[in-house]
Protein backbone atom coordinates (compact mmCIF):
# COMPACT_ATOMS: atom_id res chain seq x y z
CA THR A 1 -33.46 30.90 -2.03
CA THR A 2 -35.33 32.28 -5.04
CA LEU A 3 -32.28 31.67 -7.25
CA MET A 4 -32.03 28.07 -6.03
CA LYS A 5 -35.71 27.46 -6.77
CA ILE A 6 -35.18 28.81 -10.29
CA ILE A 7 -32.14 26.54 -10.79
CA ALA A 8 -34.18 23.57 -9.54
CA GLY A 9 -37.10 24.42 -11.83
CA GLU A 10 -39.56 25.19 -9.03
CA LEU A 11 -39.82 28.80 -10.26
CA GLU A 12 -39.72 30.10 -13.82
CA PRO A 13 -37.58 33.16 -14.60
CA THR A 14 -39.32 36.33 -15.74
CA ALA A 15 -36.70 36.70 -18.47
CA GLY A 16 -33.69 34.73 -19.65
CA ARG A 17 -33.33 30.97 -19.36
CA VAL A 18 -31.81 28.23 -17.24
CA VAL A 19 -29.92 25.38 -18.94
CA ARG A 20 -29.57 22.23 -16.85
CA ASN A 21 -27.02 19.71 -18.06
CA ALA A 22 -27.18 17.73 -14.84
CA SER A 23 -29.80 16.45 -12.42
CA VAL A 24 -30.41 18.60 -9.33
CA HIS A 25 -31.94 18.01 -5.90
CA LEU A 26 -33.18 20.97 -3.83
CA MET A 27 -33.22 20.73 -0.04
CA PRO A 28 -35.43 23.56 1.26
CA GLN A 29 -34.54 25.68 4.27
CA MET A 30 -37.58 24.82 6.39
CA SER A 31 -39.73 21.71 6.56
CA ALA A 32 -43.19 20.98 7.91
CA PRO A 33 -43.30 20.17 11.64
CA THR A 34 -43.45 16.50 12.64
CA ALA A 35 -43.14 14.52 15.86
CA GLN A 36 -39.36 14.67 15.43
CA SER A 37 -37.22 17.50 16.75
CA GLY A 38 -35.98 20.17 14.34
CA GLY A 39 -32.53 18.62 14.24
CA GLU A 40 -33.89 15.12 13.64
CA ARG A 41 -36.02 16.40 10.74
CA GLN A 42 -33.03 18.26 9.29
CA ALA A 43 -30.81 15.16 9.49
CA ALA A 44 -33.45 13.02 7.76
CA ILE A 45 -33.86 15.59 4.96
CA LEU A 46 -30.08 15.71 4.46
CA ASP A 47 -29.89 11.90 4.33
CA ALA A 48 -32.55 11.97 1.61
CA ALA A 49 -30.59 14.61 -0.31
CA PHE A 50 -27.37 12.59 -0.25
CA ALA A 51 -29.27 9.45 -1.25
CA SER A 52 -31.07 11.22 -4.13
CA GLY A 53 -28.40 10.37 -6.69
CA ALA A 54 -28.57 13.89 -8.12
CA ASP A 55 -25.50 15.30 -9.83
CA ILE A 56 -25.83 18.61 -7.97
CA LEU A 57 -27.28 19.19 -4.49
CA LEU A 58 -28.84 22.58 -3.72
CA LEU A 59 -28.77 22.94 0.08
CA ASP A 60 -30.48 25.87 1.82
CA GLU A 61 -29.07 26.34 5.36
CA PRO A 62 -28.23 22.61 5.72
CA THR A 63 -26.67 22.80 9.22
CA ASN A 64 -29.63 24.54 10.87
CA ASN A 65 -30.69 22.76 14.10
CA LEU A 66 -28.06 20.01 13.80
CA ASP A 67 -26.26 18.91 16.96
CA ALA A 68 -22.49 18.47 17.04
CA ASP A 69 -22.58 14.79 16.00
CA ALA A 70 -24.99 15.43 13.14
CA ARG A 71 -22.86 18.36 11.95
CA ARG A 72 -19.76 16.14 11.87
CA ARG A 73 -21.64 13.49 9.89
CA PHE A 74 -22.85 16.08 7.42
CA MET A 75 -19.35 17.52 6.94
CA ALA A 76 -17.95 14.00 6.36
CA ASP A 77 -20.72 13.14 3.87
CA MET A 78 -20.14 16.42 2.04
CA ARG A 79 -16.38 15.85 1.72
CA ALA A 80 -16.91 12.25 0.58
CA ARG A 81 -19.45 13.21 -2.06
CA GLY A 82 -18.24 13.28 -5.65
CA GLY A 83 -20.90 15.55 -7.18
CA GLY A 84 -21.33 19.29 -7.04
CA MET A 85 -23.04 21.30 -4.31
CA VAL A 86 -24.44 24.80 -4.04
CA VAL A 87 -24.93 25.86 -0.42
CA ILE A 88 -26.76 28.80 1.14
CA SER A 89 -25.51 29.21 4.68
CA HIS A 90 -24.52 31.54 7.52
CA ASP A 91 -22.41 28.76 9.06
CA ARG A 92 -18.81 30.00 8.83
CA ASP A 93 -17.28 26.57 9.43
CA LEU A 94 -19.30 25.19 6.53
CA LEU A 95 -18.52 28.17 4.28
CA ASN A 96 -14.82 27.62 4.88
CA GLN A 97 -15.21 24.19 3.25
CA MET A 98 -16.40 25.77 -0.01
CA ASP A 99 -14.28 26.14 -3.16
CA CYS A 100 -15.68 29.58 -3.93
CA ILE A 101 -18.18 32.09 -2.57
CA TRP A 102 -20.96 33.64 -4.65
CA GLU A 103 -22.31 36.93 -3.34
CA LEU A 104 -25.76 37.85 -4.62
CA GLY A 105 -26.75 41.52 -4.54
CA HIS A 106 -29.03 43.96 -6.33
CA ASP A 107 -26.27 44.55 -8.86
CA GLY A 108 -25.95 40.86 -9.74
CA LEU A 109 -23.78 37.90 -8.78
CA ARG A 110 -20.13 38.29 -7.78
CA VAL A 111 -17.76 35.33 -7.56
CA TYR A 112 -14.85 35.11 -5.10
CA GLY A 113 -12.43 32.27 -5.86
CA GLY A 114 -11.82 30.93 -2.38
CA ASN A 115 -13.46 29.94 0.91
CA TYR A 116 -15.15 32.22 3.43
CA ASP A 117 -11.88 33.46 4.98
CA PHE A 118 -10.66 34.38 1.49
CA TYR A 119 -13.97 36.16 0.87
CA LEU A 120 -13.65 38.17 4.10
CA GLY A 121 -10.16 39.29 3.11
CA ALA A 122 -11.35 40.32 -0.34
CA LYS A 123 -14.31 42.22 1.12
CA ALA A 124 -12.03 44.01 3.61
CA ALA A 125 -9.78 45.11 0.73
CA GLU A 126 -12.84 46.29 -1.23
CA ARG A 127 -14.05 48.23 1.81
CA ASP A 128 -10.67 49.97 2.16
CA VAL A 129 -10.88 51.05 -1.49
CA LEU A 130 -14.47 52.28 -1.02
CA GLU A 131 -13.57 54.23 2.13
CA SER A 132 -10.69 55.88 0.25
CA ARG A 133 -13.03 56.73 -2.63
CA LEU A 134 -15.60 58.12 -0.20
CA SER A 135 -13.00 60.33 1.46
CA ASN A 136 -11.79 61.63 -1.92
CA THR A 137 -15.37 62.26 -3.06
CA GLU A 138 -16.26 64.15 0.12
CA ASN A 139 -13.09 66.26 -0.21
CA ARG A 140 -14.02 67.00 -3.83
CA ILE A 141 -17.52 68.10 -2.75
CA VAL A 142 -15.97 70.43 -0.13
CA ARG A 143 -13.66 71.94 -2.78
CA LEU A 144 -16.52 72.40 -5.26
CA ASN A 145 -18.64 74.17 -2.65
CA LYS A 146 -15.67 76.38 -1.79
CA THR A 147 -15.19 77.16 -5.50
CA LYS A 148 -18.88 78.02 -5.74
CA THR A 149 -18.62 80.38 -2.76
CA ILE A 150 -15.53 82.07 -4.23
CA ALA A 151 -17.25 82.48 -7.61
CA LEU A 152 -20.26 84.13 -5.97
CA GLU A 153 -18.02 86.43 -3.91
CA CYS A 154 -15.94 87.39 -6.96
CA ALA A 155 -19.08 88.13 -8.97
CA LYS A 156 -20.46 90.19 -6.11
CA THR A 157 -17.18 92.15 -5.88
CA GLY A 158 -17.12 92.63 -9.67
CA GLN A 159 -20.67 93.95 -9.74
CA LYS A 160 -19.84 96.23 -6.83
CA LYS A 161 -16.85 97.71 -8.72
CA ILE A 162 -18.96 98.15 -11.86
CA GLY A 163 -21.60 99.93 -9.77
CA GLN A 164 -18.97 102.22 -8.23
CA ALA A 165 -17.51 103.05 -11.65
CA LYS A 166 -21.02 103.64 -13.01
CA ARG A 167 -21.86 106.10 -10.21
CA LYS A 168 -18.52 107.91 -10.74
CA ALA A 169 -19.24 108.22 -14.49
CA ILE A 170 -22.66 109.72 -13.73
CA VAL A 171 -21.09 112.29 -11.40
CA MET A 172 -18.47 113.10 -14.04
CA GLY A 173 -21.17 113.38 -16.72
CA ASN A 174 -19.59 110.61 -18.83
CA HIS A 175 -22.85 109.19 -20.21
CA LYS A 176 -21.09 107.42 -23.10
CA ALA A 177 -19.56 104.94 -20.65
CA MET A 178 -22.98 103.82 -19.33
CA SER A 179 -23.60 101.24 -22.06
CA GLY A 180 -20.15 99.76 -21.44
CA PHE A 181 -20.93 99.29 -17.77
CA ALA A 182 -24.22 97.54 -18.65
CA ASP A 183 -22.42 95.18 -21.04
CA ALA A 184 -19.77 94.41 -18.41
CA SER A 185 -22.46 93.66 -15.83
CA ASP A 186 -24.32 91.36 -18.22
CA LYS A 187 -21.13 89.51 -19.17
CA LEU A 188 -20.26 89.04 -15.51
CA ASP A 189 -23.71 87.52 -14.89
CA ILE A 190 -23.36 85.22 -17.91
CA VAL A 191 -19.91 84.03 -16.83
CA LEU A 192 -21.17 83.44 -13.26
CA ALA A 193 -24.23 81.50 -14.49
CA LYS A 194 -22.05 79.24 -16.68
CA LYS A 195 -19.61 78.63 -13.85
CA LEU A 196 -22.39 77.89 -11.34
CA LYS A 197 -24.05 75.51 -13.81
CA LEU A 198 -20.78 73.61 -14.31
CA ILE A 199 -20.13 73.46 -10.57
CA GLY A 200 -23.71 72.39 -9.91
CA LYS A 201 -23.43 69.54 -12.42
CA LYS A 202 -20.19 68.32 -10.83
CA LEU A 203 -21.75 68.58 -7.36
CA GLU A 204 -24.72 66.46 -8.49
CA GLU A 205 -22.35 63.83 -9.91
CA LYS A 206 -20.20 63.73 -6.79
CA SER A 207 -23.23 63.70 -4.47
CA ALA A 208 -24.68 60.73 -6.38
CA GLU A 209 -21.27 59.02 -6.20
CA ARG A 210 -21.12 59.65 -2.44
CA GLN A 211 -24.60 58.19 -2.00
CA GLN A 212 -23.66 55.11 -4.04
CA ILE A 213 -20.47 54.52 -2.05
CA SER A 214 -22.24 55.13 1.26
CA GLU A 215 -24.86 52.53 0.35
CA ALA A 216 -22.11 50.04 -0.46
CA LEU A 217 -20.46 50.76 2.90
CA ARG A 218 -23.67 50.76 4.94
CA ASP A 219 -23.44 48.64 8.07
CA ASP A 220 -26.45 46.34 8.18
CA LYS A 221 -25.49 44.67 11.44
CA ILE A 222 -28.40 44.03 13.76
CA LYS A 223 -28.57 46.55 16.60
CA ILE A 224 -30.19 45.00 19.68
CA PRO A 225 -31.61 47.67 22.04
CA MET A 226 -30.61 47.29 25.67
CA PRO A 227 -33.35 47.58 28.31
CA ASP A 228 -33.41 50.90 30.14
CA ARG A 229 -34.48 49.29 33.40
CA PRO A 230 -32.46 47.22 35.92
CA MET A 231 -32.06 43.52 35.13
CA PHE A 232 -34.48 41.19 36.92
CA LYS A 233 -32.13 39.54 39.45
CA ASN A 234 -34.47 37.44 41.57
CA ASP A 235 -35.36 33.78 41.01
CA LEU A 236 -36.83 33.47 37.51
CA ILE A 237 -37.29 29.74 36.94
CA LYS A 238 -37.63 26.95 39.50
CA ILE A 239 -38.15 23.33 38.42
CA GLU A 240 -38.50 20.51 40.97
CA HIS A 241 -38.62 16.75 40.31
CA LEU A 242 -39.95 17.26 36.80
CA ALA A 243 -40.95 14.24 34.71
CA PHE A 244 -42.37 14.27 31.19
CA GLY A 245 -42.71 11.92 28.25
CA TYR A 246 -44.52 11.51 24.96
CA GLY A 247 -46.70 8.44 25.48
CA VAL A 248 -44.43 5.55 26.40
CA ARG A 249 -41.27 7.47 25.47
CA PRO A 250 -39.81 9.22 28.56
CA VAL A 251 -37.97 12.48 27.88
CA LEU A 252 -37.25 14.00 31.29
CA GLY A 253 -37.18 12.32 34.70
CA ASN A 254 -36.63 13.78 38.19
CA PHE A 255 -35.30 16.96 36.59
CA ASN A 256 -34.37 19.88 38.89
CA PHE A 257 -33.25 23.32 37.80
CA GLU A 258 -33.09 26.93 39.06
CA MET A 259 -32.28 30.16 37.25
CA ARG A 260 -32.04 33.81 38.28
CA GLY A 261 -32.98 36.67 36.01
CA ASP A 262 -29.39 37.76 35.43
CA GLY A 263 -28.27 34.27 34.38
CA ARG A 264 -27.12 33.13 30.94
CA ILE A 265 -27.71 29.46 30.19
CA HIS A 266 -26.48 27.53 27.13
CA LEU A 267 -28.73 24.49 26.80
CA VAL A 268 -27.00 21.73 24.84
CA GLY A 269 -27.88 18.16 23.99
CA LYS A 270 -28.28 15.77 21.10
CA ASN A 271 -31.15 16.21 18.64
CA GLY A 272 -34.25 14.71 20.26
CA ALA A 273 -32.84 14.91 23.79
CA GLY A 274 -35.70 17.20 24.90
CA LYS A 275 -34.29 20.74 24.73
CA SER A 276 -37.34 22.24 23.00
CA THR A 277 -39.62 20.12 25.19
CA LEU A 278 -38.03 21.60 28.32
CA ILE A 279 -38.56 25.14 27.04
CA LYS A 280 -42.23 24.38 26.24
CA LEU A 281 -42.67 23.01 29.79
CA ILE A 282 -41.19 26.21 31.23
CA LEU A 283 -43.54 28.32 29.09
CA GLY A 284 -46.56 26.23 30.13
CA GLN A 285 -47.18 24.98 26.60
CA LEU A 286 -46.81 21.41 27.92
CA THR A 287 -47.96 19.96 31.24
CA PRO A 288 -45.48 17.87 33.26
CA ASP A 289 -46.36 14.28 34.17
CA ALA A 290 -44.91 14.90 37.61
CA GLY A 291 -43.11 17.64 39.54
CA SER A 292 -43.54 21.39 39.18
CA VAL A 293 -42.38 24.25 36.96
CA ARG A 294 -42.56 27.88 38.09
CA LEU A 295 -41.78 30.89 35.91
CA MET A 296 -41.57 34.12 37.95
CA GLY A 297 -41.29 36.67 35.17
CA ARG A 298 -42.01 37.39 31.52
CA ALA A 299 -40.61 35.07 28.83
CA ALA A 300 -40.36 35.39 25.04
CA TYR A 301 -39.76 32.28 22.93
CA LEU A 302 -37.91 32.14 19.62
CA ALA A 303 -38.84 28.69 18.30
CA GLN A 304 -37.00 26.69 15.63
CA THR A 305 -40.08 26.83 13.41
CA LEU A 306 -40.22 30.66 13.58
CA SER A 307 -44.00 30.44 13.92
CA LEU A 308 -44.40 33.31 16.41
CA LEU A 309 -45.44 36.00 13.91
CA ASN A 310 -48.74 36.42 12.09
CA PRO A 311 -47.91 35.80 8.40
CA ASP A 312 -50.77 38.03 7.21
CA LYS A 313 -49.54 41.12 9.06
CA SER A 314 -46.57 43.40 8.44
CA VAL A 315 -43.28 43.27 10.33
CA VAL A 316 -44.02 46.46 12.27
CA ASP A 317 -47.61 45.38 13.07
CA ASN A 318 -46.31 42.09 14.48
CA ILE A 319 -43.81 43.97 16.65
CA MET A 320 -46.60 46.15 18.05
CA ASP A 321 -48.86 43.13 18.63
CA LEU A 322 -46.20 41.32 20.66
CA THR A 323 -44.87 44.31 22.61
CA ASP A 324 -46.20 47.44 24.28
CA LEU A 325 -44.45 49.69 21.76
CA LYS A 326 -46.00 52.65 19.96
CA PRO A 327 -45.78 52.84 16.14
CA THR A 328 -42.75 55.16 16.12
CA GLU A 329 -40.93 52.89 18.58
CA ALA A 330 -41.88 49.77 16.60
CA TYR A 331 -40.52 51.33 13.39
CA ALA A 332 -37.26 52.15 15.22
CA ILE A 333 -36.94 48.53 16.41
CA ALA A 334 -37.68 47.24 12.89
CA ALA A 335 -34.96 49.51 11.50
CA ASN A 336 -32.48 48.16 14.07
CA PHE A 337 -33.04 44.72 12.56
CA GLY A 338 -32.70 45.85 8.95
CA PHE A 339 -36.36 46.63 8.12
CA ARG A 340 -36.24 50.29 7.11
CA ASN A 341 -39.03 52.40 5.60
CA GLU A 342 -41.17 50.30 3.22
CA ASN A 343 -39.48 47.07 4.33
CA ALA A 344 -40.99 47.52 7.79
CA ARG A 345 -44.42 47.22 6.15
CA LYS A 346 -43.59 43.99 4.30
CA ARG A 347 -46.00 41.13 4.89
CA VAL A 348 -44.37 38.50 7.13
CA GLY A 349 -45.66 35.71 4.88
CA ASP A 350 -43.58 37.16 2.02
CA LEU A 351 -40.28 37.22 3.95
CA SER A 352 -37.34 34.95 3.21
CA GLY A 353 -36.12 32.56 5.89
CA GLY A 354 -33.38 34.96 7.02
CA GLU A 355 -35.75 37.92 7.03
CA LEU A 356 -38.29 35.92 9.06
CA LEU A 357 -35.61 35.15 11.66
CA LYS A 358 -34.66 38.83 11.93
CA ALA A 359 -38.31 39.90 12.15
CA THR A 360 -38.95 37.34 14.91
CA LEU A 361 -35.84 38.51 16.79
CA ALA A 362 -37.11 42.09 16.50
CA ALA A 363 -40.45 41.11 18.06
CA VAL A 364 -38.84 38.97 20.80
CA LEU A 365 -36.00 41.32 21.77
CA GLY A 366 -37.48 44.67 20.82
CA GLY A 367 -40.05 44.79 23.58
CA ASP A 368 -37.62 44.09 26.41
């Protein structure tokens, strides 16, 4: 997102320069709330982007909140468009429509000349190479440590033999040999010190290489903790003859619904059909015009706007505020969602869109 803002001219680079030989239009990832649903807002913003006349469109998560029809329209508009596009997305279907994938990391930008499936194949091949390198490096470290142990044992044996010969010379009265034994002992120490220094240097290099490869192979998948108590299996939600509308616009009428605690419901519908409105009615954030809504349990809500967290507090402080977790437990939950060490103390207001989603998930799911 930062890179896109620099390309669009919204941010100035600290060093280097950006040369624009074409007009650009930046569509941000999140927009200000309006009376429209999230999907309706997203569709309107995309329409404006396509109508901008810009040579290059910069689209940040363009398919977020779009229903199936809106997604199909977007895909058709994208394929019909003649200009260039740069897309940030986690939508695999969309990424498979791309001509190439750019991967941005701390070591710079890497280009893969194909769609997302091509990228996955290339990354799998890279991972195989890294795993082979890691195995070879670990084997080399084992051999170096073994060599170090052998060197120490040989030096110890050598000094022991010199000591035995020295004591024998003393008994025999051969005092002339004493200086020779001292020289031999000193030389053995010098040889051992040089060998240990060389081995130590190689061990440092291989340990650093192992750390670098391990970082490249690190699995950053989100780890969702499972509750350690039995699932709530009784009636959880009961809605009877519900009616609701915004002014003269009806949204729900004579709506009935029941759900048990062990249920899994996929709520689908067109943008603006009332999906978010229904959730807000269940949570008590809206009052029905008629009928009743009963929630017999605890609910946590991950909204489209990701407005649950306090932007002025850290990730871990937000987790503690929204759960009953102690600091050590909150740090563990943050780590499960990719916020390790100092990152757990990052201010929520400074997070990227993807980081904000992960932090909100940590707060919603972590306290289960």
